[in-house]
Amino acid sequence: MDIDEQLINWLSDNAVGENLELIHWPVANPVYNPSGNPLSAMDGFPVDSKYDLITFFSVFTHLNPTDAAKMLEFSKKALNRNGRVFLTVFVSEQTEEYEEGNPDRPSLVSKFRTDFFEELVAEAGLAVVSKYPAMKLAGPHYILAHA
């Protein structure tokens, strides 16, 4: 699932597999899909399935707090009882609750204070299982589960 329709079309032509389902989800993002539908107007992911693993690489790094909270809520709904969410996010102790890394381009680099992001996780009914330290081009990696 991705907001980039061209990417989904390319994957449809080039990635094959029996259990592979590719979904274009036209969610709005100021940088990557400005004409999309607001996440706040949606009730969940555009699928009815439950998953053992939901991954977000370089997704939360482009979400404001409202959209991040929604995405966590949607993840909980779509997660099997013993499933996990794997995500990257920019967190820092030096950040206010939330700040734009580049104010001229909102959502290009979204940064959260660690405890604020983890409060969003808890408010969504999820819990931090593990956290892997930040890497060169990505924030810390989190593994979440049902609280």
N, C-alpha and C. Protein backbone atom coordinates (compact mmCIF):
# COMPACT_ATOMS: atom_id res chain seq x y z
N MET A 1 0.86 -1.16 0.00
CA MET A 1 0.00 0.00 0.00
C MET A 1 0.91 1.23 0.00
N ASP A 2 0.57 2.18 -0.86
CA ASP A 2 1.37 3.40 -0.94
C ASP A 2 0.51 4.52 -1.50
N ILE A 3 0.90 5.76 -1.21
CA ILE A 3 0.18 6.92 -1.74
C ILE A 3 0.63 7.27 -3.14
N ASP A 4 1.71 6.67 -3.61
CA ASP A 4 2.26 6.96 -4.93
C ASP A 4 1.68 5.99 -5.96
N GLU A 5 0.72 6.46 -6.75
CA GLU A 5 0.05 5.58 -7.71
C GLU A 5 1.00 5.06 -8.78
N GLN A 6 1.95 5.90 -9.20
CA GLN A 6 2.92 5.44 -10.21
C GLN A 6 3.78 4.30 -9.67
N LEU A 7 4.15 4.38 -8.41
CA LEU A 7 4.93 3.31 -7.79
C LEU A 7 4.12 2.01 -7.75
N ILE A 8 2.87 2.11 -7.34
CA ILE A 8 2.01 0.92 -7.29
C ILE A 8 1.86 0.31 -8.69
N ASN A 9 1.68 1.15 -9.71
CA ASN A 9 1.58 0.65 -11.08
C ASN A 9 2.87 -0.04 -11.51
N TRP A 10 4.00 0.54 -11.18
CA TRP A 10 5.29 -0.07 -11.53
C TRP A 10 5.46 -1.42 -10.82
N LEU A 11 5.12 -1.44 -9.53
CA LEU A 11 5.21 -2.70 -8.79
C LEU A 11 4.28 -3.75 -9.37
N SER A 12 3.10 -3.34 -9.78
CA SER A 12 2.14 -4.28 -10.39
C SER A 12 2.73 -4.93 -11.64
N ASP A 13 3.53 -4.17 -12.37
CA ASP A 13 4.15 -4.70 -13.59
C ASP A 13 5.43 -5.50 -13.32
N ASN A 14 6.07 -5.25 -12.18
CA ASN A 14 7.40 -5.81 -11.96
C ASN A 14 7.56 -6.72 -10.75
N ALA A 15 6.64 -6.69 -9.83
CA ALA A 15 6.74 -7.53 -8.64
C ALA A 15 5.61 -8.56 -8.70
N VAL A 16 5.95 -9.81 -8.58
CA VAL A 16 4.92 -10.85 -8.66
C VAL A 16 5.02 -11.76 -7.44
N GLY A 17 3.91 -12.34 -7.08
CA GLY A 17 3.87 -13.28 -5.97
C GLY A 17 2.44 -13.69 -5.71
N GLU A 18 2.27 -14.91 -5.25
CA GLU A 18 0.93 -15.43 -4.99
C GLU A 18 0.18 -14.62 -3.94
N ASN A 19 0.87 -14.21 -2.90
CA ASN A 19 0.22 -13.50 -1.80
C ASN A 19 0.48 -12.01 -1.82
N LEU A 20 0.78 -11.47 -2.99
CA LEU A 20 1.11 -10.06 -3.10
C LEU A 20 -0.12 -9.27 -3.55
N GLU A 21 -0.51 -8.33 -2.73
CA GLU A 21 -1.61 -7.43 -3.07
C GLU A 21 -1.07 -6.01 -2.99
N LEU A 22 -1.21 -5.27 -4.07
CA LEU A 22 -0.72 -3.89 -4.14
C LEU A 22 -1.91 -2.94 -4.17
N ILE A 23 -1.87 -1.96 -3.30
CA ILE A 23 -3.01 -1.06 -3.15
C ILE A 23 -2.53 0.39 -3.21
N HIS A 24 -3.16 1.17 -4.10
CA HIS A 24 -2.92 2.61 -4.09
C HIS A 24 -3.89 3.23 -3.09
N TRP A 25 -3.34 3.94 -2.12
CA TRP A 25 -4.14 4.60 -1.09
C TRP A 25 -3.90 6.10 -1.23
N PRO A 26 -4.81 6.84 -1.83
CA PRO A 26 -4.57 8.24 -2.17
C PRO A 26 -4.69 9.20 -0.99
N VAL A 27 -3.86 8.99 0.02
CA VAL A 27 -3.85 9.85 1.21
C VAL A 27 -3.06 11.12 0.91
N ALA A 28 -3.54 12.23 1.41
CA ALA A 28 -2.86 13.52 1.22
C ALA A 28 -1.58 13.59 2.04
N ASN A 29 -0.57 14.18 1.44
CA ASN A 29 0.68 14.52 2.11
C ASN A 29 1.21 15.75 1.38
N PRO A 30 1.57 16.82 2.12
CA PRO A 30 2.00 18.05 1.46
C PRO A 30 3.18 17.87 0.50
N VAL A 31 4.04 16.91 0.77
CA VAL A 31 5.22 16.70 -0.07
C VAL A 31 4.95 15.70 -1.18
N TYR A 32 4.39 14.55 -0.83
CA TYR A 32 4.31 13.43 -1.76
C TYR A 32 2.98 13.26 -2.48
N ASN A 33 1.91 13.83 -1.94
CA ASN A 33 0.61 13.68 -2.59
C ASN A 33 -0.32 14.82 -2.14
N PRO A 34 -0.02 16.06 -2.54
CA PRO A 34 -0.80 17.20 -2.06
C PRO A 34 -2.28 17.18 -2.45
N SER A 35 -2.63 16.49 -3.50
CA SER A 35 -4.03 16.48 -3.94
C SER A 35 -4.81 15.27 -3.40
N GLY A 36 -4.21 14.50 -2.50
CA GLY A 36 -4.87 13.32 -1.96
C GLY A 36 -5.96 13.66 -0.95
N ASN A 37 -6.59 12.62 -0.44
CA ASN A 37 -7.65 12.76 0.56
C ASN A 37 -7.06 12.86 1.96
N PRO A 38 -7.59 13.75 2.80
CA PRO A 38 -7.04 13.89 4.15
C PRO A 38 -7.20 12.59 4.96
N LEU A 39 -6.15 12.23 5.65
CA LEU A 39 -6.18 11.04 6.50
C LEU A 39 -7.24 11.18 7.59
N SER A 40 -7.45 12.40 8.07
CA SER A 40 -8.41 12.64 9.15
C SER A 40 -9.84 12.30 8.74
N ALA A 41 -10.12 12.24 7.45
CA ALA A 41 -11.47 11.94 6.96
C ALA A 41 -11.68 10.44 6.75
N MET A 42 -10.68 9.62 7.05
CA MET A 42 -10.77 8.19 6.80
C MET A 42 -11.00 7.42 8.10
N ASP A 43 -11.54 6.21 7.95
CA ASP A 43 -11.85 5.37 9.11
C ASP A 43 -10.83 4.26 9.34
N GLY A 44 -9.95 4.04 8.40
CA GLY A 44 -8.97 2.97 8.51
C GLY A 44 -8.29 2.72 7.18
N PHE A 45 -7.45 1.70 7.17
CA PHE A 45 -6.79 1.31 5.92
C PHE A 45 -7.83 0.84 4.91
N PRO A 46 -7.54 0.93 3.63
CA PRO A 46 -8.52 0.51 2.61
C PRO A 46 -8.54 -1.01 2.39
N VAL A 47 -8.39 -1.76 3.45
CA VAL A 47 -8.43 -3.24 3.40
C VAL A 47 -9.17 -3.72 4.65
N ASP A 48 -9.76 -4.91 4.55
CA ASP A 48 -10.48 -5.47 5.69
C ASP A 48 -9.67 -6.55 6.40
N SER A 49 -8.49 -6.83 5.92
CA SER A 49 -7.68 -7.93 6.45
C SER A 49 -7.02 -7.56 7.78
N LYS A 50 -6.56 -8.60 8.48
CA LYS A 50 -5.74 -8.45 9.67
C LYS A 50 -4.35 -8.96 9.32
N TYR A 51 -3.32 -8.35 9.90
CA TYR A 51 -1.94 -8.64 9.53
C TYR A 51 -1.09 -9.03 10.72
N ASP A 52 -0.11 -9.89 10.46
CA ASP A 52 0.87 -10.26 11.47
C ASP A 52 1.95 -9.19 11.60
N LEU A 53 2.23 -8.52 10.49
CA LEU A 53 3.27 -7.48 10.48
C LEU A 53 2.84 -6.34 9.57
N ILE A 54 2.89 -5.13 10.12
CA ILE A 54 2.63 -3.91 9.36
C ILE A 54 3.90 -3.09 9.44
N THR A 55 4.45 -2.70 8.29
CA THR A 55 5.71 -1.95 8.29
C THR A 55 5.51 -0.55 7.71
N PHE A 56 6.21 0.39 8.30
CA PHE A 56 6.22 1.78 7.84
C PHE A 56 7.67 2.25 7.82
N PHE A 57 8.29 2.20 6.67
CA PHE A 57 9.65 2.74 6.55
C PHE A 57 9.54 4.09 5.88
N SER A 58 9.99 5.13 6.57
CA SER A 58 9.93 6.50 6.06
C SER A 58 8.49 6.93 5.78
N VAL A 59 7.60 6.63 6.72
CA VAL A 59 6.22 7.12 6.65
C VAL A 59 5.99 8.11 7.80
N PHE A 60 6.24 7.67 9.03
CA PHE A 60 6.04 8.57 10.18
C PHE A 60 7.01 9.74 10.15
N THR A 61 8.08 9.61 9.40
CA THR A 61 9.03 10.71 9.24
C THR A 61 8.46 11.84 8.38
N HIS A 62 7.23 11.62 7.85
CA HIS A 62 6.57 12.62 7.00
C HIS A 62 5.14 12.91 7.46
N LEU A 63 4.82 12.58 8.71
CA LEU A 63 3.46 12.79 9.22
C LEU A 63 3.44 13.82 10.34
N ASN A 64 2.40 14.64 10.36
CA ASN A 64 2.20 15.54 11.49
C ASN A 64 1.57 14.73 12.63
N PRO A 65 1.48 15.28 13.83
CA PRO A 65 0.96 14.50 14.96
C PRO A 65 -0.46 13.96 14.76
N THR A 66 -1.34 14.73 14.14
CA THR A 66 -2.71 14.27 13.91
C THR A 66 -2.72 13.06 12.99
N ASP A 67 -1.96 13.13 11.91
CA ASP A 67 -1.91 12.01 10.97
C ASP A 67 -1.16 10.81 11.56
N ALA A 68 -0.14 11.07 12.35
CA ALA A 68 0.59 9.98 13.01
C ALA A 68 -0.35 9.23 13.96
N ALA A 69 -1.15 9.96 14.72
CA ALA A 69 -2.10 9.33 15.64
C ALA A 69 -3.11 8.49 14.87
N LYS A 70 -3.61 9.01 13.75
CA LYS A 70 -4.56 8.26 12.92
C LYS A 70 -3.92 6.99 12.38
N MET A 71 -2.68 7.10 11.89
CA MET A 71 -2.00 5.94 11.31
C MET A 71 -1.77 4.86 12.38
N LEU A 72 -1.46 5.27 13.60
CA LEU A 72 -1.31 4.31 14.69
C LEU A 72 -2.65 3.66 15.03
N GLU A 73 -3.71 4.44 15.05
CA GLU A 73 -5.06 3.91 15.30
C GLU A 73 -5.44 2.89 14.23
N PHE A 74 -5.20 3.23 12.96
CA PHE A 74 -5.52 2.32 11.85
C PHE A 74 -4.69 1.03 11.96
N SER A 75 -3.44 1.17 12.39
CA SER A 75 -2.56 0.01 12.52
C SER A 75 -3.11 -0.95 13.57
N LYS A 76 -3.54 -0.41 14.69
CA LYS A 76 -4.10 -1.27 15.75
C LYS A 76 -5.30 -2.04 15.23
N LYS A 77 -6.18 -1.37 14.48
CA LYS A 77 -7.36 -2.03 13.92
C LYS A 77 -7.00 -3.18 12.98
N ALA A 78 -5.92 -3.01 12.22
CA ALA A 78 -5.54 -3.98 11.19
C ALA A 78 -4.55 -5.03 11.68
N LEU A 79 -4.16 -4.95 12.93
CA LEU A 79 -3.13 -5.84 13.46
C LEU A 79 -3.74 -7.07 14.14
N ASN A 80 -3.26 -8.26 13.77
CA ASN A 80 -3.65 -9.47 14.48
C ASN A 80 -3.31 -9.32 15.95
N ARG A 81 -3.98 -10.06 16.80
CA ARG A 81 -3.78 -9.94 18.26
C ARG A 81 -2.31 -10.07 18.65
N ASN A 82 -1.58 -10.98 18.05
CA ASN A 82 -0.16 -11.16 18.37
C ASN A 82 0.76 -10.53 17.33
N GLY A 83 0.22 -9.67 16.50
CA GLY A 83 1.00 -9.04 15.43
C GLY A 83 1.89 -7.93 15.93
N ARG A 84 2.70 -7.41 15.02
CA ARG A 84 3.65 -6.34 15.33
C ARG A 84 3.59 -5.25 14.27
N VAL A 85 3.90 -4.04 14.70
CA VAL A 85 4.08 -2.89 13.79
C VAL A 85 5.55 -2.53 13.85
N PHE A 86 6.15 -2.37 12.69
CA PHE A 86 7.55 -1.95 12.59
C PHE A 86 7.57 -0.60 11.89
N LEU A 87 8.20 0.41 12.51
CA LEU A 87 8.21 1.73 11.90
C LEU A 87 9.48 2.49 12.24
N THR A 88 9.74 3.48 11.40
CA THR A 88 10.82 4.43 11.67
C THR A 88 10.18 5.80 11.90
N VAL A 89 10.81 6.59 12.76
CA VAL A 89 10.30 7.92 13.07
C VAL A 89 11.47 8.75 13.59
N PHE A 90 11.46 10.03 13.28
CA PHE A 90 12.49 10.92 13.83
C PHE A 90 12.03 11.38 15.21
N VAL A 91 12.77 10.97 16.25
CA VAL A 91 12.49 11.41 17.62
C VAL A 91 13.76 11.98 18.23
N SER A 92 13.56 12.91 19.17
CA SER A 92 14.70 13.55 19.82
C SER A 92 14.24 14.15 21.13
N GLU A 93 15.15 14.21 22.08
CA GLU A 93 14.86 14.88 23.35
C GLU A 93 14.93 16.39 23.20
N GLN A 94 15.62 16.88 22.17
CA GLN A 94 15.79 18.31 21.98
C GLN A 94 14.64 18.94 21.20
N THR A 95 13.70 18.14 20.74
CA THR A 95 12.57 18.61 19.94
C THR A 95 11.42 18.99 20.86
N GLU A 96 10.69 20.05 20.48
CA GLU A 96 9.42 20.31 21.16
C GLU A 96 8.55 19.09 20.90
N GLU A 97 7.31 19.09 21.33
CA GLU A 97 6.46 17.91 21.07
C GLU A 97 6.58 17.48 19.62
N TYR A 98 6.49 18.47 18.72
CA TYR A 98 6.58 18.20 17.28
C TYR A 98 7.19 19.41 16.61
N GLU A 99 8.02 19.16 15.63
CA GLU A 99 8.53 20.28 14.83
C GLU A 99 8.83 19.82 13.41
N GLU A 100 8.76 20.77 12.53
CA GLU A 100 9.09 20.54 11.13
C GLU A 100 10.59 20.74 10.97
N GLY A 101 11.27 19.76 10.41
CA GLY A 101 12.71 19.88 10.16
C GLY A 101 13.00 20.93 9.10
N ASN A 102 12.04 21.17 8.21
CA ASN A 102 12.16 22.18 7.16
C ASN A 102 10.82 22.92 7.08
N PRO A 103 10.67 24.03 7.84
CA PRO A 103 9.38 24.74 7.89
C PRO A 103 8.87 25.20 6.52
N ASP A 104 9.77 25.38 5.57
CA ASP A 104 9.34 25.79 4.23
C ASP A 104 8.70 24.65 3.45
N ARG A 105 8.91 23.41 3.90
CA ARG A 105 8.33 22.23 3.23
C ARG A 105 7.73 21.30 4.28
N PRO A 106 6.54 21.65 4.78
CA PRO A 106 5.90 20.84 5.83
C PRO A 106 5.81 19.37 5.44
N SER A 107 6.10 18.53 6.40
CA SER A 107 6.07 17.07 6.28
C SER A 107 7.25 16.49 5.51
N LEU A 108 8.20 17.31 5.13
CA LEU A 108 9.41 16.77 4.50
C LEU A 108 10.22 16.02 5.55
N VAL A 109 10.38 16.64 6.73
CA VAL A 109 11.10 16.01 7.84
C VAL A 109 10.30 16.30 9.11
N SER A 110 9.51 15.34 9.54
CA SER A 110 8.68 15.48 10.73
C SER A 110 9.42 14.91 11.93
N LYS A 111 9.55 15.72 12.99
CA LYS A 111 10.29 15.31 14.18
C LYS A 111 9.40 15.39 15.41
N PHE A 112 9.49 14.36 16.26
CA PHE A 112 8.71 14.27 17.49
C PHE A 112 9.65 14.18 18.68
N ARG A 113 9.23 14.75 19.83
CA ARG A 113 9.94 14.47 21.06
C ARG A 113 9.61 13.02 21.42
N THR A 114 10.57 12.28 21.90
CA THR A 114 10.41 10.84 22.14
C THR A 114 9.19 10.53 22.99
N ASP A 115 9.06 11.18 24.14
CA ASP A 115 7.93 10.85 25.02
C ASP A 115 6.60 11.23 24.40
N PHE A 116 6.56 12.28 23.59
CA PHE A 116 5.32 12.67 22.92
C PHE A 116 4.91 11.61 21.89
N PHE A 117 5.87 11.13 21.10
CA PHE A 117 5.55 10.09 20.13
C PHE A 117 5.07 8.83 20.85
N GLU A 118 5.74 8.46 21.91
CA GLU A 118 5.36 7.25 22.64
C GLU A 118 4.00 7.40 23.33
N GLU A 119 3.60 8.64 23.66
CA GLU A 119 2.24 8.89 24.16
C GLU A 119 1.22 8.64 23.05
N LEU A 120 1.54 9.06 21.82
CA LEU A 120 0.65 8.78 20.68
C LEU A 120 0.47 7.28 20.50
N VAL A 121 1.55 6.54 20.66
CA VAL A 121 1.51 5.08 20.55
C VAL A 121 0.55 4.52 21.61
N ALA A 122 0.72 4.95 22.85
CA ALA A 122 -0.12 4.45 23.95
C ALA A 122 -1.58 4.85 23.76
N GLU A 123 -1.83 6.07 23.32
CA GLU A 123 -3.20 6.54 23.11
C GLU A 123 -3.90 5.73 22.02
N ALA A 124 -3.14 5.16 21.10
CA ALA A 124 -3.72 4.33 20.04
C ALA A 124 -3.98 2.89 20.52
N GLY A 125 -3.60 2.58 21.76
CA GLY A 125 -3.80 1.23 22.29
C GLY A 125 -2.68 0.28 21.91
N LEU A 126 -1.51 0.85 21.59
CA LEU A 126 -0.34 0.06 21.25
C LEU A 126 0.73 0.26 22.32
N ALA A 127 1.72 -0.60 22.31
CA ALA A 127 2.83 -0.50 23.28
C ALA A 127 4.15 -0.72 22.55
N VAL A 128 5.19 -0.04 23.02
CA VAL A 128 6.52 -0.24 22.47
C VAL A 128 7.07 -1.56 23.00
N VAL A 129 7.43 -2.45 22.08
CA VAL A 129 8.02 -3.73 22.44
C VAL A 129 9.54 -3.61 22.43
N SER A 130 10.06 -2.89 21.43
CA SER A 130 11.50 -2.74 21.28
C SER A 130 11.80 -1.50 20.46
N LYS A 131 12.98 -0.94 20.69
CA LYS A 131 13.41 0.23 19.93
C LYS A 131 14.87 0.05 19.54
N TYR A 132 15.13 0.15 18.24
CA TYR A 132 16.48 0.03 17.71
C TYR A 132 17.00 1.44 17.46
N PRO A 133 18.25 1.75 17.82
CA PRO A 133 18.76 3.11 17.70
C PRO A 133 18.70 3.67 16.28
N ALA A 134 18.71 4.97 16.22
CA ALA A 134 18.70 5.67 14.92
C ALA A 134 19.89 5.27 14.08
N MET A 135 19.67 5.25 12.77
CA MET A 135 20.74 4.97 11.82
C MET A 135 21.03 6.25 11.04
N LYS A 136 21.98 6.18 10.15
CA LYS A 136 22.44 7.36 9.42
C LYS A 136 21.31 8.13 8.72
N LEU A 137 20.44 7.44 8.00
CA LEU A 137 19.40 8.12 7.22
C LEU A 137 18.00 7.89 7.75
N ALA A 138 17.87 7.30 8.91
CA ALA A 138 16.53 7.03 9.47
C ALA A 138 16.57 7.22 10.97
N GLY A 139 15.40 7.54 11.49
CA GLY A 139 15.28 7.64 12.94
C GLY A 139 15.27 6.26 13.55
N PRO A 140 15.01 6.21 14.87
CA PRO A 140 14.95 4.91 15.52
C PRO A 140 13.88 4.02 14.89
N HIS A 141 14.09 2.74 15.00
CA HIS A 141 13.12 1.75 14.52
C HIS A 141 12.35 1.26 15.75
N TYR A 142 11.06 1.31 15.67
CA TYR A 142 10.21 0.84 16.76
C TYR A 142 9.51 -0.45 16.34
N ILE A 143 9.32 -1.33 17.31
CA ILE A 143 8.41 -2.46 17.15
C ILE A 143 7.31 -2.27 18.18
N LEU A 144 6.07 -2.28 17.71
CA LEU A 144 4.91 -2.06 18.55
C LEU A 144 4.01 -3.29 18.53
N ALA A 145 3.20 -3.43 19.57
CA ALA A 145 2.22 -4.51 19.67
C ALA A 145 0.99 -3.96 20.37
N HIS A 146 -0.08 -4.76 20.40
CA HIS A 146 -1.27 -4.36 21.16
C HIS A 146 -0.85 -4.16 22.61
N ALA A 147 -1.42 -3.13 23.24
CA ALA A 147 -1.12 -2.85 24.65
C ALA A 147 -1.79 -3.89 25.53
